Amino acid sequence: MGGEYPPLDRSQVEFILGSAQFKPIRTKGSHTHWEGAVDGIRRLVTVDHLGSKKEKYGPLLGKMITQSGLTKKKFYSYLK
């Protein structure tokens, strides 16, 4: 992922989820679960804490976007 869809860190992902009306519902170990609804469907997104808040996500980012039920374009639109 680059260019239009650059890699994101945890702070950015959590900002996006919060902007999309997701709420953190529990933290277990090195993960936080965020719950929200997209198009009336309940969604649960697992956010891995990685090594630090500024470390960038690799393939996990695509999984989090899929879990959110948002398109990649909509997901990234919350950063603008």
PDB file of N, CA and C in Angstrom:
ATOM      1  N   MET A   1       0.844  -1.180   0.000  1.00  0.00           N
ATOM      2  CA  MET A   1       0.000   0.000   0.000  1.00  0.00           C
ATOM      3  C   MET A   1       0.880   1.231   0.000  1.00  0.00           C
ATOM      4  N   GLY A   2       0.692   2.072  -0.960  1.00  0.00           N
ATOM      5  CA  GLY A   2       1.443   3.301  -1.005  1.00  0.00           C
ATOM      6  C   GLY A   2       0.653   4.323  -1.792  1.00  0.00           C
ATOM      7  N   GLY A   3       1.259   5.472  -2.006  1.00  0.00           N
ATOM      8  CA  GLY A   3       0.603   6.497  -2.802  1.00  0.00           C
ATOM      9  C   GLY A   3      -0.703   6.961  -2.198  1.00  0.00           C
ATOM     10  N   GLU A   4      -1.792   6.633  -2.872  1.00  0.00           N
ATOM     11  CA  GLU A   4      -3.115   7.061  -2.420  1.00  0.00           C
ATOM     12  C   GLU A   4      -3.486   6.432  -1.075  1.00  0.00           C
ATOM     13  N   TYR A   5      -2.991   5.228  -0.829  1.00  0.00           N
ATOM     14  CA  TYR A   5      -3.305   4.508   0.407  1.00  0.00           C
ATOM     15  C   TYR A   5      -2.004   4.119   1.127  1.00  0.00           C
ATOM     16  N   PRO A   6      -1.371   5.070   1.796  1.00  0.00           N
ATOM     17  CA  PRO A   6      -0.105   4.779   2.485  1.00  0.00           C
ATOM     18  C   PRO A   6      -0.319   3.919   3.726  1.00  0.00           C
ATOM     19  N   PRO A   7       0.756   3.281   4.208  1.00  0.00           N
ATOM     20  CA  PRO A   7       0.661   2.525   5.455  1.00  0.00           C
ATOM     21  C   PRO A   7       0.248   3.456   6.598  1.00  0.00           C
ATOM     22  N   LEU A   8      -0.454   2.918   7.560  1.00  0.00           N
ATOM     23  CA  LEU A   8      -0.932   3.706   8.699  1.00  0.00           C
ATOM     24  C   LEU A   8      -0.381   3.129   9.993  1.00  0.00           C
ATOM     25  N   ASP A   9      -0.288   3.989  11.002  1.00  0.00           N
ATOM     26  CA  ASP A   9       0.104   3.516  12.331  1.00  0.00           C
ATOM     27  C   ASP A   9      -1.144   3.401  13.213  1.00  0.00           C
ATOM     28  N   ARG A  10      -0.954   2.928  14.421  1.00  0.00           N
ATOM     29  CA  ARG A  10      -2.094   2.684  15.313  1.00  0.00           C
ATOM     30  C   ARG A  10      -2.862   3.955  15.641  1.00  0.00           C
ATOM     31  N   SER A  11      -2.166   5.064  15.864  1.00  0.00           N
ATOM     32  CA  SER A  11      -2.854   6.324  16.160  1.00  0.00           C
ATOM     33  C   SER A  11      -3.795   6.710  15.026  1.00  0.00           C
ATOM     34  N   GLN A  12      -3.334   6.538  13.798  1.00  0.00           N
ATOM     35  CA  GLN A  12      -4.163   6.882  12.643  1.00  0.00           C
ATOM     36  C   GLN A  12      -5.366   5.959  12.527  1.00  0.00           C
ATOM     37  N   VAL A  13      -5.146   4.655  12.721  1.00  0.00           N
ATOM     38  CA  VAL A  13      -6.249   3.685  12.634  1.00  0.00           C
ATOM     39  C   VAL A  13      -7.285   3.968  13.718  1.00  0.00           C
ATOM     40  N   GLU A  14      -6.823   4.233  14.933  1.00  0.00           N
ATOM     41  CA  GLU A  14      -7.762   4.525  16.014  1.00  0.00           C
ATOM     42  C   GLU A  14      -8.517   5.833  15.758  1.00  0.00           C
ATOM     43  N   PHE A  15      -7.857   6.823  15.163  1.00  0.00           N
ATOM     44  CA  PHE A  15      -8.526   8.076  14.803  1.00  0.00           C
ATOM     45  C   PHE A  15      -9.626   7.806  13.774  1.00  0.00           C
ATOM     46  N   ILE A  16      -9.303   7.019  12.775  1.00  0.00           N
ATOM     47  CA  ILE A  16     -10.279   6.677  11.729  1.00  0.00           C
ATOM     48  C   ILE A  16     -11.476   5.951  12.333  1.00  0.00           C
ATOM     49  N   LEU A  17     -11.219   4.953  13.157  1.00  0.00           N
ATOM     50  CA  LEU A  17     -12.318   4.189  13.752  1.00  0.00           C
ATOM     51  C   LEU A  17     -13.200   5.086  14.620  1.00  0.00           C
ATOM     52  N   GLY A  18     -12.577   5.946  15.416  1.00  0.00           N
ATOM     53  CA  GLY A  18     -13.351   6.874  16.235  1.00  0.00           C
ATOM     54  C   GLY A  18     -14.190   7.815  15.385  1.00  0.00           C
ATOM     55  N   SER A  19     -13.615   8.293  14.293  1.00  0.00           N
ATOM     56  CA  SER A  19     -14.330   9.187  13.382  1.00  0.00           C
ATOM     57  C   SER A  19     -15.502   8.482  12.706  1.00  0.00           C
ATOM     58  N   ALA A  20     -15.374   7.171  12.529  1.00  0.00           N
ATOM     59  CA  ALA A  20     -16.436   6.374  11.902  1.00  0.00           C
ATOM     60  C   ALA A  20     -17.437   5.867  12.946  1.00  0.00           C
ATOM     61  N   GLN A  21     -17.375   6.425  14.151  1.00  0.00           N
ATOM     62  CA  GLN A  21     -18.303   6.105  15.241  1.00  0.00           C
ATOM     63  C   GLN A  21     -18.097   4.717  15.856  1.00  0.00           C
ATOM     64  N   PHE A  22     -16.896   4.149  15.708  1.00  0.00           N
ATOM     65  CA  PHE A  22     -16.554   2.911  16.407  1.00  0.00           C
ATOM     66  C   PHE A  22     -16.093   3.293  17.806  1.00  0.00           C
ATOM     67  N   LYS A  23     -16.304   2.406  18.756  1.00  0.00           N
ATOM     68  CA  LYS A  23     -15.902   2.638  20.146  1.00  0.00           C
ATOM     69  C   LYS A  23     -15.034   1.463  20.614  1.00  0.00           C
ATOM     70  N   PRO A  24     -13.962   1.763  21.369  1.00  0.00           N
ATOM     71  CA  PRO A  24     -13.184   0.663  21.940  1.00  0.00           C
ATOM     72  C   PRO A  24     -14.004  -0.019  23.027  1.00  0.00           C
ATOM     73  N   ILE A  25     -14.160  -1.320  22.927  1.00  0.00           N
ATOM     74  CA  ILE A  25     -14.993  -2.020  23.912  1.00  0.00           C
ATOM     75  C   ILE A  25     -14.191  -2.880  24.873  1.00  0.00           C
ATOM     76  N   ARG A  26     -12.996  -3.305  24.462  1.00  0.00           N
ATOM     77  CA  ARG A  26     -12.167  -4.054  25.404  1.00  0.00           C
ATOM     78  C   ARG A  26     -10.744  -4.163  24.879  1.00  0.00           C
ATOM     79  N   THR A  27      -9.823  -4.246  25.824  1.00  0.00           N
ATOM     80  CA  THR A  27      -8.425  -4.472  25.504  1.00  0.00           C
ATOM     81  C   THR A  27      -8.022  -5.773  26.149  1.00  0.00           C
ATOM     82  N   LYS A  28      -7.420  -6.629  25.345  1.00  0.00           N
ATOM     83  CA  LYS A  28      -6.969  -7.919  25.868  1.00  0.00           C
ATOM     84  C   LYS A  28      -5.563  -8.149  25.341  1.00  0.00           C
ATOM     85  N   GLY A  29      -4.599  -8.175  26.247  1.00  0.00           N
ATOM     86  CA  GLY A  29      -3.216  -8.360  25.826  1.00  0.00           C
ATOM     87  C   GLY A  29      -2.759  -7.223  24.938  1.00  0.00           C
ATOM     88  N   SER A  30      -2.353  -7.570  23.736  1.00  0.00           N
ATOM     89  CA  SER A  30      -1.816  -6.561  22.819  1.00  0.00           C
ATOM     90  C   SER A  30      -2.818  -6.176  21.730  1.00  0.00           C
ATOM     91  N   HIS A  31      -4.104  -6.303  22.018  1.00  0.00           N
ATOM     92  CA  HIS A  31      -5.142  -5.962  21.045  1.00  0.00           C
ATOM     93  C   HIS A  31      -6.262  -5.168  21.710  1.00  0.00           C
ATOM     94  N   THR A  32      -6.855  -4.272  20.936  1.00  0.00           N
ATOM     95  CA  THR A  32      -8.062  -3.579  21.382  1.00  0.00           C
ATOM     96  C   THR A  32      -9.155  -3.878  20.372  1.00  0.00           C
ATOM     97  N   HIS A  33     -10.334  -4.204  20.863  1.00  0.00           N
ATOM     98  CA  HIS A  33     -11.472  -4.488  20.001  1.00  0.00           C
ATOM     99  C   HIS A  33     -12.350  -3.246  19.935  1.00  0.00           C
ATOM    100  N   TRP A  34     -12.657  -2.815  18.714  1.00  0.00           N
ATOM    101  CA  TRP A  34     -13.496  -1.647  18.447  1.00  0.00           C
ATOM    102  C   TRP A  34     -14.795  -2.127  17.840  1.00  0.00           C
ATOM    103  N   GLU A  35     -15.907  -1.613  18.352  1.00  0.00           N
ATOM    104  CA  GLU A  35     -17.222  -2.017  17.859  1.00  0.00           C
ATOM    105  C   GLU A  35     -17.928  -0.827  17.226  1.00  0.00           C
ATOM    106  N   GLY A  36     -18.593  -1.090  16.120  1.00  0.00           N
ATOM    107  CA  GLY A  36     -19.360  -0.056  15.445  1.00  0.00           C
ATOM    108  C   GLY A  36     -20.367  -0.698  14.520  1.00  0.00           C
ATOM    109  N   ALA A  37     -21.072   0.119  13.791  1.00  0.00           N
ATOM    110  CA  ALA A  37     -22.054  -0.384  12.827  1.00  0.00           C
ATOM    111  C   ALA A  37     -21.848   0.336  11.504  1.00  0.00           C
ATOM    112  N   VAL A  38     -21.867  -0.423  10.444  1.00  0.00           N
ATOM    113  CA  VAL A  38     -21.764   0.119   9.097  1.00  0.00           C
ATOM    114  C   VAL A  38     -22.934  -0.445   8.304  1.00  0.00           C
ATOM    115  N   ASP A  39     -23.728   0.445   7.745  1.00  0.00           N
ATOM    116  CA  ASP A  39     -24.924   0.044   6.998  1.00  0.00           C
ATOM    117  C   ASP A  39     -25.839  -0.843   7.840  1.00  0.00           C
ATOM    118  N   GLY A  40     -25.927  -0.527   9.141  1.00  0.00           N
ATOM    119  CA  GLY A  40     -26.811  -1.258  10.037  1.00  0.00           C
ATOM    120  C   GLY A  40     -26.302  -2.615  10.485  1.00  0.00           C
ATOM    121  N   ILE A  41     -25.080  -2.949  10.109  1.00  0.00           N
ATOM    122  CA  ILE A  41     -24.484  -4.238  10.483  1.00  0.00           C
ATOM    123  C   ILE A  41     -23.408  -4.009  11.532  1.00  0.00           C
ATOM    124  N   ARG A  42     -23.509  -4.729  12.658  1.00  0.00           N
ATOM    125  CA  ARG A  42     -22.525  -4.616  13.733  1.00  0.00           C
ATOM    126  C   ARG A  42     -21.178  -5.141  13.239  1.00  0.00           C
ATOM    127  N   ARG A  43     -20.134  -4.385  13.523  1.00  0.00           N
ATOM    128  CA  ARG A  43     -18.779  -4.745  13.110  1.00  0.00           C
ATOM    129  C   ARG A  43     -17.848  -4.729  14.304  1.00  0.00           C
ATOM    130  N   LEU A  44     -16.898  -5.631  14.308  1.00  0.00           N
ATOM    131  CA  LEU A  44     -15.881  -5.704  15.347  1.00  0.00           C
ATOM    132  C   LEU A  44     -14.518  -5.677  14.670  1.00  0.00           C
ATOM    133  N   VAL A  45     -13.703  -4.704  15.025  1.00  0.00           N
ATOM    134  CA  VAL A  45     -12.373  -4.557  14.443  1.00  0.00           C
ATOM    135  C   VAL A  45     -11.345  -4.801  15.533  1.00  0.00           C
ATOM    136  N   THR A  46     -10.396  -5.684  15.270  1.00  0.00           N
ATOM    137  CA  THR A  46      -9.317  -5.977  16.213  1.00  0.00           C
ATOM    138  C   THR A  46      -8.090  -5.172  15.797  1.00  0.00           C
ATOM    139  N   VAL A  47      -7.646  -4.288  16.683  1.00  0.00           N
ATOM    140  CA  VAL A  47      -6.484  -3.441  16.413  1.00  0.00           C
ATOM    141  C   VAL A  47      -5.309  -3.969  17.226  1.00  0.00           C
ATOM    142  N   ASP A  48      -4.295  -4.432  16.523  1.00  0.00           N
ATOM    143  CA  ASP A  48      -3.068  -4.943  17.146  1.00  0.00           C
ATOM    144  C   ASP A  48      -2.236  -3.751  17.609  1.00  0.00           C
ATOM    145  N   HIS A  49      -1.674  -3.827  18.793  1.00  0.00           N
ATOM    146  CA  HIS A  49      -0.892  -2.711  19.322  1.00  0.00           C
ATOM    147  C   HIS A  49       0.523  -2.639  18.769  1.00  0.00           C
ATOM    148  N   LEU A  50       0.995  -3.653  18.077  1.00  0.00           N
ATOM    149  CA  LEU A  50       2.345  -3.684  17.515  1.00  0.00           C
ATOM    150  C   LEU A  50       3.376  -3.316  18.578  1.00  0.00           C
ATOM    151  N   GLY A  51       4.556  -2.875  18.147  1.00  0.00           N
ATOM    152  CA  GLY A  51       5.615  -2.530  19.093  1.00  0.00           C
ATOM    153  C   GLY A  51       5.471  -1.141  19.667  1.00  0.00           C
ATOM    154  N   SER A  52       4.934  -0.220  18.863  1.00  0.00           N
ATOM    155  CA  SER A  52       4.746   1.152  19.324  1.00  0.00           C
ATOM    156  C   SER A  52       3.588   1.772  18.558  1.00  0.00           C
ATOM    157  N   LYS A  53       3.108   2.921  19.034  1.00  0.00           N
ATOM    158  CA  LYS A  53       1.978   3.591  18.372  1.00  0.00           C
ATOM    159  C   LYS A  53       2.347   4.113  16.987  1.00  0.00           C
ATOM    160  N   LYS A  54       3.613   4.298  16.704  1.00  0.00           N
ATOM    161  CA  LYS A  54       4.037   4.876  15.423  1.00  0.00           C
ATOM    162  C   LYS A  54       4.503   3.826  14.413  1.00  0.00           C
ATOM    163  N   GLU A  55       4.597   2.563  14.815  1.00  0.00           N
ATOM    164  CA  GLU A  55       4.958   1.504  13.876  1.00  0.00           C
ATOM    165  C   GLU A  55       3.825   1.339  12.862  1.00  0.00           C
ATOM    166  N   LYS A  56       4.166   1.157  11.602  1.00  0.00           N
ATOM    167  CA  LYS A  56       3.166   1.054  10.531  1.00  0.00           C
ATOM    168  C   LYS A  56       2.662  -0.386  10.390  1.00  0.00           C
ATOM    169  N   TYR A  57       1.363  -0.506  10.065  1.00  0.00           N
ATOM    170  CA  TYR A  57       0.768  -1.819   9.816  1.00  0.00           C
ATOM    171  C   TYR A  57       1.102  -2.282   8.412  1.00  0.00           C
ATOM    172  N   GLY A  58       1.318  -3.566   8.257  1.00  0.00           N
ATOM    173  CA  GLY A  58       1.499  -4.185   6.952  1.00  0.00           C
ATOM    174  C   GLY A  58       0.169  -4.801   6.522  1.00  0.00           C
ATOM    175  N   PRO A  59       0.166  -6.107   6.246  1.00  0.00           N
ATOM    176  CA  PRO A  59      -1.050  -6.786   5.796  1.00  0.00           C
ATOM    177  C   PRO A  59      -2.205  -6.704   6.803  1.00  0.00           C
ATOM    178  N   LEU A  60      -1.904  -6.492   8.071  1.00  0.00           N
ATOM    179  CA  LEU A  60      -2.974  -6.386   9.078  1.00  0.00           C
ATOM    180  C   LEU A  60      -3.925  -5.235   8.787  1.00  0.00           C
ATOM    181  N   LEU A  61      -3.412  -4.188   8.155  1.00  0.00           N
ATOM    182  CA  LEU A  61      -4.254  -3.031   7.867  1.00  0.00           C
ATOM    183  C   LEU A  61      -5.417  -3.419   6.959  1.00  0.00           C
ATOM    184  N   GLY A  62      -5.139  -4.206   5.941  1.00  0.00           N
ATOM    185  CA  GLY A  62      -6.194  -4.658   5.037  1.00  0.00           C
ATOM    186  C   GLY A  62      -7.257  -5.468   5.764  1.00  0.00           C
ATOM    187  N   LYS A  63      -6.827  -6.272   6.719  1.00  0.00           N
ATOM    188  CA  LYS A  63      -7.782  -7.069   7.507  1.00  0.00           C
ATOM    189  C   LYS A  63      -8.652  -6.174   8.379  1.00  0.00           C
ATOM    190  N   MET A  64      -8.057  -5.128   8.959  1.00  0.00           N
ATOM    191  CA  MET A  64      -8.838  -4.219   9.796  1.00  0.00           C
ATOM    192  C   MET A  64      -9.856  -3.445   8.956  1.00  0.00           C
ATOM    193  N   ILE A  65      -9.447  -3.044   7.752  1.00  0.00           N
ATOM    194  CA  ILE A  65     -10.378  -2.344   6.869  1.00  0.00           C
ATOM    195  C   ILE A  65     -11.537  -3.264   6.512  1.00  0.00           C
ATOM    196  N   THR A  66     -11.245  -4.507   6.186  1.00  0.00           N
ATOM    197  CA  THR A  66     -12.294  -5.485   5.866  1.00  0.00           C
ATOM    198  C   THR A  66     -13.221  -5.693   7.059  1.00  0.00           C
ATOM    199  N   GLN A  67     -12.649  -5.851   8.253  1.00  0.00           N
ATOM    200  CA  GLN A  67     -13.463  -6.046   9.462  1.00  0.00           C
ATOM    201  C   GLN A  67     -14.387  -4.857   9.702  1.00  0.00           C
ATOM    202  N   SER A  68     -13.943  -3.660   9.335  1.00  0.00           N
ATOM    203  CA  SER A  68     -14.755  -2.465   9.589  1.00  0.00           C
ATOM    204  C   SER A  68     -15.985  -2.386   8.696  1.00  0.00           C
ATOM    205  N   GLY A  69     -15.942  -3.061   7.556  1.00  0.00           N
ATOM    206  CA  GLY A  69     -17.059  -2.999   6.626  1.00  0.00           C
ATOM    207  C   GLY A  69     -17.035  -1.758   5.751  1.00  0.00           C
ATOM    208  N   LEU A  70     -15.992  -0.950   5.908  1.00  0.00           N
ATOM    209  CA  LEU A  70     -15.831   0.247   5.081  1.00  0.00           C
ATOM    210  C   LEU A  70     -15.000  -0.095   3.847  1.00  0.00           C
ATOM    211  N   THR A  71     -15.210   0.643   2.778  1.00  0.00           N
ATOM    212  CA  THR A  71     -14.327   0.492   1.636  1.00  0.00           C
ATOM    213  C   THR A  71     -12.990   1.121   1.999  1.00  0.00           C
ATOM    214  N   LYS A  72     -11.952   0.744   1.282  1.00  0.00           N
ATOM    215  CA  LYS A  72     -10.640   1.335   1.536  1.00  0.00           C
ATOM    216  C   LYS A  72     -10.703   2.849   1.331  1.00  0.00           C
ATOM    217  N   LYS A  73     -11.413   3.282   0.290  1.00  0.00           N
ATOM    218  CA  LYS A  73     -11.538   4.715  -0.007  1.00  0.00           C
ATOM    219  C   LYS A  73     -12.231   5.447   1.141  1.00  0.00           C
ATOM    220  N   LYS A  74     -13.322   4.888   1.665  1.00  0.00           N
ATOM    221  CA  LYS A  74     -14.056   5.510   2.772  1.00  0.00           C
ATOM    222  C   LYS A  74     -13.204   5.511   4.043  1.00  0.00           C
ATOM    223  N   PHE A  75     -12.520   4.395   4.320  1.00  0.00           N
ATOM    224  CA  PHE A  75     -11.663   4.279   5.493  1.00  0.00           C
ATOM    225  C   PHE A  75     -10.628   5.405   5.491  1.00  0.00           C
ATOM    226  N   TYR A  76      -9.929   5.578   4.380  1.00  0.00           N
ATOM    227  CA  TYR A  76      -8.897   6.598   4.285  1.00  0.00           C
ATOM    228  C   TYR A  76      -9.462   8.013   4.251  1.00  0.00           C
ATOM    229  N   SER A  77     -10.717   8.159   3.846  1.00  0.00           N
ATOM    230  CA  SER A  77     -11.311   9.496   3.739  1.00  0.00           C
ATOM    231  C   SER A  77     -11.388  10.191   5.101  1.00  0.00           C
ATOM    232  N   TYR A  78     -11.418   9.439   6.191  1.00  0.00           N
ATOM    233  CA  TYR A  78     -11.493  10.037   7.527  1.00  0.00           C
ATOM    234  C   TYR A  78     -10.199  10.740   7.926  1.00  0.00           C
ATOM    235  N   LEU A  79      -9.112  10.492   7.210  1.00  0.00           N
ATOM    236  CA  LEU A  79      -7.842  11.165   7.508  1.00  0.00           C
ATOM    237  C   LEU A  79      -7.790  12.567   6.923  1.00  0.00           C
ATOM    238  N   LYS A  80      -8.656  12.865   5.972  1.00  0.00           N
ATOM    239  CA  LYS A  80      -8.603  14.156   5.278  1.00  0.00           C
ATOM    240  C   LYS A  80      -9.385  15.225   5.993  1.00  0.00           C
TER     241      LYS A  80
END
